[in-house]
Amino acid sequence: MPDVRDDDQPQDITFHSTVRADRLRFTAPPRTAVRFPGTGERASVSRSDRTNLPDRVEPDVNYRDVTVHYRLETGLREAREPASD
């Protein structure tokens, strides 16, 4: 997913995660997807920063001392209603 977030708008959902592994091995290349079902146009970003893990992993290769920082943020682009008291 491309980085299309509008920094002037607050995000409705923000998720940050860090995963570490001493050793990581894949038997097959992973299939991943990020989806936002529902209606309404969104401004979203989904990004991972990896240490010792390539963007395309190879099956049956041991990756050592792996760290993945993952960030997901999304927010509706439509105008927000003022909060009622």
PDB file of N, CA and C in Angstrom:
ATOM      1  N   MET A   1       0.856  -1.173   0.000  1.00  0.00           N
ATOM      2  CA  MET A   1       0.000   0.000   0.000  1.00  0.00           C
ATOM      3  C   MET A   1       0.902   1.235   0.000  1.00  0.00           C
ATOM      4  N   PRO A   2       0.689   2.146  -0.920  1.00  0.00           N
ATOM      5  CA  PRO A   2       1.508   3.354  -0.958  1.00  0.00           C
ATOM      6  C   PRO A   2       1.213   4.275   0.213  1.00  0.00           C
ATOM      7  N   ASP A   3       2.168   5.118   0.504  1.00  0.00           N
ATOM      8  CA  ASP A   3       2.018   6.087   1.591  1.00  0.00           C
ATOM      9  C   ASP A   3       1.211   7.263   1.041  1.00  0.00           C
ATOM     10  N   VAL A   4      -0.091   7.283   1.365  1.00  0.00           N
ATOM     11  CA  VAL A   4      -0.968   8.346   0.857  1.00  0.00           C
ATOM     12  C   VAL A   4      -1.586   9.133   1.991  1.00  0.00           C
ATOM     13  N   ARG A   5      -1.002   9.050   3.132  1.00  0.00           N
ATOM     14  CA  ARG A   5      -1.562   9.708   4.311  1.00  0.00           C
ATOM     15  C   ARG A   5      -1.421  11.214   4.215  1.00  0.00           C
ATOM     16  N   ASP A   6      -2.464  11.902   4.636  1.00  0.00           N
ATOM     17  CA  ASP A   6      -2.461  13.362   4.712  1.00  0.00           C
ATOM     18  C   ASP A   6      -2.102  13.731   6.151  1.00  0.00           C
ATOM     19  N   ASP A   7      -0.907  14.279   6.382  1.00  0.00           N
ATOM     20  CA  ASP A   7      -0.436  14.554   7.736  1.00  0.00           C
ATOM     21  C   ASP A   7      -1.254  15.615   8.454  1.00  0.00           C
ATOM     22  N   ASP A   8      -2.109  16.364   7.742  1.00  0.00           N
ATOM     23  CA  ASP A   8      -2.937  17.373   8.399  1.00  0.00           C
ATOM     24  C   ASP A   8      -4.161  16.769   9.066  1.00  0.00           C
ATOM     25  N   GLN A   9      -4.493  15.525   8.731  1.00  0.00           N
ATOM     26  CA  GLN A   9      -5.673  14.887   9.310  1.00  0.00           C
ATOM     27  C   GLN A   9      -5.252  13.896  10.380  1.00  0.00           C
ATOM     28  N   PRO A  10      -5.930  13.905  11.533  1.00  0.00           N
ATOM     29  CA  PRO A  10      -5.638  12.883  12.539  1.00  0.00           C
ATOM     30  C   PRO A  10      -6.090  11.519  12.025  1.00  0.00           C
ATOM     31  N   GLN A  11      -5.403  10.485  12.427  1.00  0.00           N
ATOM     32  CA  GLN A  11      -5.736   9.144  11.988  1.00  0.00           C
ATOM     33  C   GLN A  11      -6.745   8.515  12.947  1.00  0.00           C
ATOM     34  N   ASP A  12      -7.653   7.721  12.393  1.00  0.00           N
ATOM     35  CA  ASP A  12      -8.654   7.029  13.202  1.00  0.00           C
ATOM     36  C   ASP A  12      -8.066   5.788  13.867  1.00  0.00           C
ATOM     37  N   ILE A  13      -7.147   5.138  13.189  1.00  0.00           N
ATOM     38  CA  ILE A  13      -6.493   3.942  13.711  1.00  0.00           C
ATOM     39  C   ILE A  13      -4.986   4.087  13.521  1.00  0.00           C
ATOM     40  N   THR A  14      -4.244   3.819  14.580  1.00  0.00           N
ATOM     41  CA  THR A  14      -2.784   3.799  14.517  1.00  0.00           C
ATOM     42  C   THR A  14      -2.312   2.531  15.207  1.00  0.00           C
ATOM     43  N   PHE A  15      -1.508   1.744  14.512  1.00  0.00           N
ATOM     44  CA  PHE A  15      -0.983   0.500  15.065  1.00  0.00           C
ATOM     45  C   PHE A  15       0.504   0.449  14.760  1.00  0.00           C
ATOM     46  N   HIS A  16       1.317   0.290  15.795  1.00  0.00           N
ATOM     47  CA  HIS A  16       2.761   0.141  15.654  1.00  0.00           C
ATOM     48  C   HIS A  16       3.153  -1.141  16.384  1.00  0.00           C
ATOM     49  N   SER A  17       4.065  -1.906  15.793  1.00  0.00           N
ATOM     50  CA  SER A  17       4.473  -3.170  16.378  1.00  0.00           C
ATOM     51  C   SER A  17       5.943  -3.415  16.088  1.00  0.00           C
ATOM     52  N   THR A  18       6.622  -4.089  17.016  1.00  0.00           N
ATOM     53  CA  THR A  18       8.002  -4.515  16.801  1.00  0.00           C
ATOM     54  C   THR A  18       8.089  -6.002  17.115  1.00  0.00           C
ATOM     55  N   VAL A  19       8.672  -6.749  16.183  1.00  0.00           N
ATOM     56  CA  VAL A  19       8.853  -8.185  16.350  1.00  0.00           C
ATOM     57  C   VAL A  19      10.336  -8.483  16.205  1.00  0.00           C
ATOM     58  N   ARG A  20      10.848  -9.315  17.113  1.00  0.00           N
ATOM     59  CA  ARG A  20      12.259  -9.711  17.069  1.00  0.00           C
ATOM     60  C   ARG A  20      12.349 -11.240  17.072  1.00  0.00           C
ATOM     61  N   ALA A  21      13.364 -11.762  16.383  1.00  0.00           N
ATOM     62  CA  ALA A  21      13.589 -13.208  16.369  1.00  0.00           C
ATOM     63  C   ALA A  21      15.079 -13.483  16.316  1.00  0.00           C
ATOM     64  N   ASP A  22      15.512 -14.472  17.089  1.00  0.00           N
ATOM     65  CA  ASP A  22      16.906 -14.914  16.999  1.00  0.00           C
ATOM     66  C   ASP A  22      17.131 -15.629  15.675  1.00  0.00           C
ATOM     67  N   ARG A  23      16.133 -16.442  15.268  1.00  0.00           N
ATOM     68  CA  ARG A  23      16.218 -17.157  13.995  1.00  0.00           C
ATOM     69  C   ARG A  23      14.828 -17.230  13.390  1.00  0.00           C
ATOM     70  N   LEU A  24      14.754 -16.990  12.083  1.00  0.00           N
ATOM     71  CA  LEU A  24      13.484 -17.028  11.369  1.00  0.00           C
ATOM     72  C   LEU A  24      13.710 -17.770  10.066  1.00  0.00           C
ATOM     73  N   ARG A  25      12.805 -18.716   9.758  1.00  0.00           N
ATOM     74  CA  ARG A  25      12.931 -19.526   8.545  1.00  0.00           C
ATOM     75  C   ARG A  25      11.541 -19.689   7.932  1.00  0.00           C
ATOM     76  N   PHE A  26      11.445 -19.518   6.630  1.00  0.00           N
ATOM     77  CA  PHE A  26      10.192 -19.668   5.905  1.00  0.00           C
ATOM     78  C   PHE A  26      10.267 -20.931   5.048  1.00  0.00           C
ATOM     79  N   THR A  27       9.193 -21.724   5.061  1.00  0.00           N
ATOM     80  CA  THR A  27       9.155 -22.891   4.176  1.00  0.00           C
ATOM     81  C   THR A  27       8.643 -22.507   2.788  1.00  0.00           C
ATOM     82  N   ALA A  28       7.943 -21.389   2.718  1.00  0.00           N
ATOM     83  CA  ALA A  28       7.430 -20.858   1.450  1.00  0.00           C
ATOM     84  C   ALA A  28       7.362 -19.342   1.590  1.00  0.00           C
ATOM     85  N   PRO A  29       7.453 -18.606   0.494  1.00  0.00           N
ATOM     86  CA  PRO A  29       7.326 -17.153   0.591  1.00  0.00           C
ATOM     87  C   PRO A  29       5.964 -16.769   1.160  1.00  0.00           C
ATOM     88  N   PRO A  30       5.919 -15.849   2.118  1.00  0.00           N
ATOM     89  CA  PRO A  30       4.634 -15.462   2.708  1.00  0.00           C
ATOM     90  C   PRO A  30       3.793 -14.656   1.726  1.00  0.00           C
ATOM     91  N   ARG A  31       2.475 -14.785   1.872  1.00  0.00           N
ATOM     92  CA  ARG A  31       1.529 -13.965   1.109  1.00  0.00           C
ATOM     93  C   ARG A  31       0.871 -13.036   2.114  1.00  0.00           C
ATOM     94  N   THR A  32       1.055 -11.756   1.940  1.00  0.00           N
ATOM     95  CA  THR A  32       0.506 -10.791   2.883  1.00  0.00           C
ATOM     96  C   THR A  32      -0.378  -9.789   2.158  1.00  0.00           C
ATOM     97  N   ALA A  33      -1.321  -9.222   2.902  1.00  0.00           N
ATOM     98  CA  ALA A  33      -2.201  -8.197   2.350  1.00  0.00           C
ATOM     99  C   ALA A  33      -2.751  -7.363   3.498  1.00  0.00           C
ATOM    100  N   VAL A  34      -2.972  -6.092   3.228  1.00  0.00           N
ATOM    101  CA  VAL A  34      -3.626  -5.194   4.176  1.00  0.00           C
ATOM    102  C   VAL A  34      -4.861  -4.658   3.470  1.00  0.00           C
ATOM    103  N   ARG A  35      -6.022  -4.841   4.106  1.00  0.00           N
ATOM    104  CA  ARG A  35      -7.278  -4.404   3.495  1.00  0.00           C
ATOM    105  C   ARG A  35      -8.069  -3.592   4.503  1.00  0.00           C
ATOM    106  N   PHE A  36      -8.837  -2.649   3.993  1.00  0.00           N
ATOM    107  CA  PHE A  36      -9.731  -1.840   4.804  1.00  0.00           C
ATOM    108  C   PHE A  36     -11.124  -1.951   4.200  1.00  0.00           C
ATOM    109  N   PRO A  37     -11.887  -2.997   4.570  1.00  0.00           N
ATOM    110  CA  PRO A  37     -13.220  -3.151   3.994  1.00  0.00           C
ATOM    111  C   PRO A  37     -14.167  -2.076   4.515  1.00  0.00           C
ATOM    112  N   GLY A  38     -15.184  -1.824   3.751  1.00  0.00           N
ATOM    113  CA  GLY A  38     -16.171  -0.828   4.156  1.00  0.00           C
ATOM    114  C   GLY A  38     -16.247   0.286   3.136  1.00  0.00           C
ATOM    115  N   THR A  39     -16.930   1.344   3.515  1.00  0.00           N
ATOM    116  CA  THR A  39     -17.134   2.451   2.599  1.00  0.00           C
ATOM    117  C   THR A  39     -16.364   3.671   3.073  1.00  0.00           C
ATOM    118  N   GLY A  40     -16.162   4.604   2.185  1.00  0.00           N
ATOM    119  CA  GLY A  40     -15.470   5.853   2.505  1.00  0.00           C
ATOM    120  C   GLY A  40     -14.027   5.826   2.042  1.00  0.00           C
ATOM    121  N   GLU A  41     -13.592   6.941   1.514  1.00  0.00           N
ATOM    122  CA  GLU A  41     -12.205   7.068   1.072  1.00  0.00           C
ATOM    123  C   GLU A  41     -11.309   7.251   2.285  1.00  0.00           C
ATOM    124  N   ARG A  42     -10.155   6.605   2.263  1.00  0.00           N
ATOM    125  CA  ARG A  42      -9.223   6.651   3.391  1.00  0.00           C
ATOM    126  C   ARG A  42      -7.858   7.154   2.958  1.00  0.00           C
ATOM    127  N   ALA A  43      -7.161   7.746   3.913  1.00  0.00           N
ATOM    128  CA  ALA A  43      -5.746   8.074   3.754  1.00  0.00           C
ATOM    129  C   ALA A  43      -5.006   7.096   4.657  1.00  0.00           C
ATOM    130  N   SER A  44      -4.148   6.255   4.075  1.00  0.00           N
ATOM    131  CA  SER A  44      -3.539   5.168   4.840  1.00  0.00           C
ATOM    132  C   SER A  44      -2.054   5.036   4.544  1.00  0.00           C
ATOM    133  N   VAL A  45      -1.358   4.443   5.502  1.00  0.00           N
ATOM    134  CA  VAL A  45       0.038   4.069   5.316  1.00  0.00           C
ATOM    135  C   VAL A  45       0.249   2.726   5.990  1.00  0.00           C
ATOM    136  N   SER A  46       0.974   1.841   5.324  1.00  0.00           N
ATOM    137  CA  SER A  46       1.368   0.549   5.875  1.00  0.00           C
ATOM    138  C   SER A  46       2.825   0.359   5.481  1.00  0.00           C
ATOM    139  N   ARG A  47       3.690   0.247   6.471  1.00  0.00           N
ATOM    140  CA  ARG A  47       5.126   0.202   6.172  1.00  0.00           C
ATOM    141  C   ARG A  47       5.832  -0.673   7.193  1.00  0.00           C
ATOM    142  N   SER A  48       6.860  -1.401   6.736  1.00  0.00           N
ATOM    143  CA  SER A  48       7.702  -2.151   7.666  1.00  0.00           C
ATOM    144  C   SER A  48       9.159  -1.784   7.409  1.00  0.00           C
ATOM    145  N   ASP A  49       9.904  -1.637   8.492  1.00  0.00           N
ATOM    146  CA  ASP A  49      11.347  -1.430   8.442  1.00  0.00           C
ATOM    147  C   ASP A  49      11.978  -2.688   9.002  1.00  0.00           C
ATOM    148  N   ARG A  50      12.860  -3.305   8.224  1.00  0.00           N
ATOM    149  CA  ARG A  50      13.405  -4.610   8.577  1.00  0.00           C
ATOM    150  C   ARG A  50      14.911  -4.546   8.799  1.00  0.00           C
ATOM    151  N   THR A  51      15.367  -5.344   9.752  1.00  0.00           N
ATOM    152  CA  THR A  51      16.795  -5.527   9.985  1.00  0.00           C
ATOM    153  C   THR A  51      17.093  -7.008   9.801  1.00  0.00           C
ATOM    154  N   ASN A  52      18.037  -7.316   8.954  1.00  0.00           N
ATOM    155  CA  ASN A  52      18.471  -8.696   8.655  1.00  0.00           C
ATOM    156  C   ASN A  52      17.368  -9.550   8.046  1.00  0.00           C
ATOM    157  N   LEU A  53      16.430  -8.912   7.367  1.00  0.00           N
ATOM    158  CA  LEU A  53      15.367  -9.629   6.668  1.00  0.00           C
ATOM    159  C   LEU A  53      15.071  -8.871   5.373  1.00  0.00           C
ATOM    160  N   PRO A  54      15.310  -9.502   4.214  1.00  0.00           N
ATOM    161  CA  PRO A  54      15.078  -8.804   2.943  1.00  0.00           C
ATOM    162  C   PRO A  54      13.586  -8.623   2.661  1.00  0.00           C
ATOM    163  N   ASP A  55      13.264  -7.735   1.739  1.00  0.00           N
ATOM    164  CA  ASP A  55      11.868  -7.524   1.348  1.00  0.00           C
ATOM    165  C   ASP A  55      11.253  -8.804   0.776  1.00  0.00           C
ATOM    166  N   ARG A  56      12.034  -9.541   0.027  1.00  0.00           N
ATOM    167  CA  ARG A  56      11.573 -10.831  -0.519  1.00  0.00           C
ATOM    168  C   ARG A  56      12.408 -11.931   0.137  1.00  0.00           C
ATOM    169  N   VAL A  57      11.777 -12.697   0.998  1.00  0.00           N
ATOM    170  CA  VAL A  57      12.495 -13.765   1.682  1.00  0.00           C
ATOM    171  C   VAL A  57      12.562 -15.002   0.792  1.00  0.00           C
ATOM    172  N   GLU A  58      13.566 -15.823   1.042  1.00  0.00           N
ATOM    173  CA  GLU A  58      13.755 -17.060   0.302  1.00  0.00           C
ATOM    174  C   GLU A  58      13.338 -18.235   1.173  1.00  0.00           C
ATOM    175  N   PRO A  59      12.703 -19.251   0.583  1.00  0.00           N
ATOM    176  CA  PRO A  59      12.357 -20.437   1.362  1.00  0.00           C
ATOM    177  C   PRO A  59      13.616 -21.168   1.830  1.00  0.00           C
ATOM    178  N   ASP A  60      13.528 -21.773   3.020  1.00  0.00           N
ATOM    179  CA  ASP A  60      14.582 -22.628   3.576  1.00  0.00           C
ATOM    180  C   ASP A  60      15.904 -21.897   3.815  1.00  0.00           C
ATOM    181  N   VAL A  61      15.831 -20.615   4.071  1.00  0.00           N
ATOM    182  CA  VAL A  61      17.006 -19.815   4.448  1.00  0.00           C
ATOM    183  C   VAL A  61      16.815 -19.380   5.894  1.00  0.00           C
ATOM    184  N   ASN A  62      17.845 -19.534   6.703  1.00  0.00           N
ATOM    185  CA  ASN A  62      17.803 -19.062   8.087  1.00  0.00           C
ATOM    186  C   ASN A  62      18.195 -17.594   8.134  1.00  0.00           C
ATOM    187  N   TYR A  63      17.311 -16.755   8.650  1.00  0.00           N
ATOM    188  CA  TYR A  63      17.604 -15.342   8.871  1.00  0.00           C
ATOM    189  C   TYR A  63      17.819 -15.178  10.370  1.00  0.00           C
ATOM    190  N   ARG A  64      18.902 -14.531  10.747  1.00  0.00           N
ATOM    191  CA  ARG A  64      19.267 -14.428  12.164  1.00  0.00           C
ATOM    192  C   ARG A  64      19.234 -12.982  12.641  1.00  0.00           C
ATOM    193  N   ASP A  65      18.933 -12.833  13.950  1.00  0.00           N
ATOM    194  CA  ASP A  65      18.870 -11.512  14.592  1.00  0.00           C
ATOM    195  C   ASP A  65      17.965 -10.560  13.810  1.00  0.00           C
ATOM    196  N   VAL A  66      16.743 -10.998  13.584  1.00  0.00           N
ATOM    197  CA  VAL A  66      15.766 -10.269  12.773  1.00  0.00           C
ATOM    198  C   VAL A  66      14.961  -9.314  13.658  1.00  0.00           C
ATOM    199  N   THR A  67      14.748  -8.107  13.143  1.00  0.00           N
ATOM    200  CA  THR A  67      13.838  -7.154  13.775  1.00  0.00           C
ATOM    201  C   THR A  67      12.962  -6.550  12.682  1.00  0.00           C
ATOM    202  N   VAL A  68      11.661  -6.499  12.945  1.00  0.00           N
ATOM    203  CA  VAL A  68      10.727  -5.862  12.021  1.00  0.00           C
ATOM    204  C   VAL A  68       9.907  -4.849  12.814  1.00  0.00           C
ATOM    205  N   HIS A  69       9.963  -3.589  12.400  1.00  0.00           N
ATOM    206  CA  HIS A  69       9.110  -2.531  12.950  1.00  0.00           C
ATOM    207  C   HIS A  69       8.011  -2.306  11.924  1.00  0.00           C
ATOM    208  N   TYR A  70       6.759  -2.442  12.348  1.00  0.00           N
ATOM    209  CA  TYR A  70       5.628  -2.310  11.440  1.00  0.00           C
ATOM    210  C   TYR A  70       4.749  -1.153  11.883  1.00  0.00           C
ATOM    211  N   ARG A  71       4.256  -0.399  10.904  1.00  0.00           N
ATOM    212  CA  ARG A  71       3.395   0.755  11.174  1.00  0.00           C
ATOM    213  C   ARG A  71       2.203   0.712  10.223  1.00  0.00           C
ATOM    214  N   LEU A  72       1.020   0.871  10.801  1.00  0.00           N
ATOM    215  CA  LEU A  72      -0.215   0.957  10.031  1.00  0.00           C
ATOM    216  C   LEU A  72      -1.006   2.123  10.584  1.00  0.00           C
ATOM    217  N   GLU A  73      -1.410   3.034   9.716  1.00  0.00           N
ATOM    218  CA  GLU A  73      -2.235   4.173  10.116  1.00  0.00           C
ATOM    219  C   GLU A  73      -3.272   4.397   9.032  1.00  0.00           C
ATOM    220  N   THR A  74      -4.490   4.709   9.450  1.00  0.00           N
ATOM    221  CA  THR A  74      -5.535   4.995   8.478  1.00  0.00           C
ATOM    222  C   THR A  74      -6.565   5.942   9.080  1.00  0.00           C
ATOM    223  N   GLY A  75      -7.187   6.707   8.230  1.00  0.00           N
ATOM    224  CA  GLY A  75      -8.238   7.625   8.660  1.00  0.00           C
ATOM    225  C   GLY A  75      -9.141   7.957   7.494  1.00  0.00           C
ATOM    226  N   LEU A  76     -10.410   8.176   7.787  1.00  0.00           N
ATOM    227  CA  LEU A  76     -11.351   8.567   6.744  1.00  0.00           C
ATOM    228  C   LEU A  76     -11.033   9.974   6.260  1.00  0.00           C
ATOM    229  N   ARG A  77     -11.188  10.220   4.985  1.00  0.00           N
ATOM    230  CA  ARG A  77     -10.911  11.542   4.420  1.00  0.00           C
ATOM    231  C   ARG A  77     -12.111  12.462   4.430  1.00  0.00           C
ATOM    232  N   GLU A  78     -13.285  11.936   4.680  1.00  0.00           N
ATOM    233  CA  GLU A  78     -14.479  12.787   4.638  1.00  0.00           C
ATOM    234  C   GLU A  78     -14.504  13.706   5.851  1.00  0.00           C
ATOM    235  N   ALA A  79     -15.269  14.776   5.740  1.00  0.00           N
ATOM    236  CA  ALA A  79     -15.373  15.741   6.836  1.00  0.00           C
ATOM    237  C   ALA A  79     -15.949  15.086   8.067  1.00  0.00           C
ATOM    238  N   ARG A  80     -15.411  15.452   9.212  1.00  0.00           N
ATOM    239  CA  ARG A  80     -15.870  14.894  10.479  1.00  0.00           C
ATOM    240  C   ARG A  80     -16.926  15.789  11.095  1.00  0.00           C
ATOM    241  N   GLU A  81     -17.946  15.174  11.692  1.00  0.00           N
ATOM    242  CA  GLU A  81     -18.998  15.898  12.384  1.00  0.00           C
ATOM    243  C   GLU A  81     -18.454  16.385  13.731  1.00  0.00           C
ATOM    244  N   PRO A  82     -18.812  17.599  14.155  1.00  0.00           N
ATOM    245  CA  PRO A  82     -18.394  18.021  15.490  1.00  0.00           C
ATOM    246  C   PRO A  82     -19.032  17.148  16.567  1.00  0.00           C
ATOM    247  N   ALA A  83     -18.317  16.904  17.634  1.00  0.00           N
ATOM    248  CA  ALA A  83     -18.827  16.078  18.725  1.00  0.00           C
ATOM    249  C   ALA A  83     -19.980  16.787  19.396  1.00  0.00           C
ATOM    250  N   SER A  84     -21.037  16.033  19.731  1.00  0.00           N
ATOM    251  CA  SER A  84     -22.179  16.637  20.419  1.00  0.00           C
ATOM    252  C   SER A  84     -21.945  16.556  21.928  1.00  0.00           C
ATOM    253  N   ASP A  85     -22.429  17.551  22.651  1.00  0.00           N
ATOM    254  CA  ASP A  85     -22.238  17.596  24.101  1.00  0.00           C
ATOM    255  C   ASP A  85     -23.269  16.763  24.824  1.00  0.00           C
TER     256      ASP A  85
END
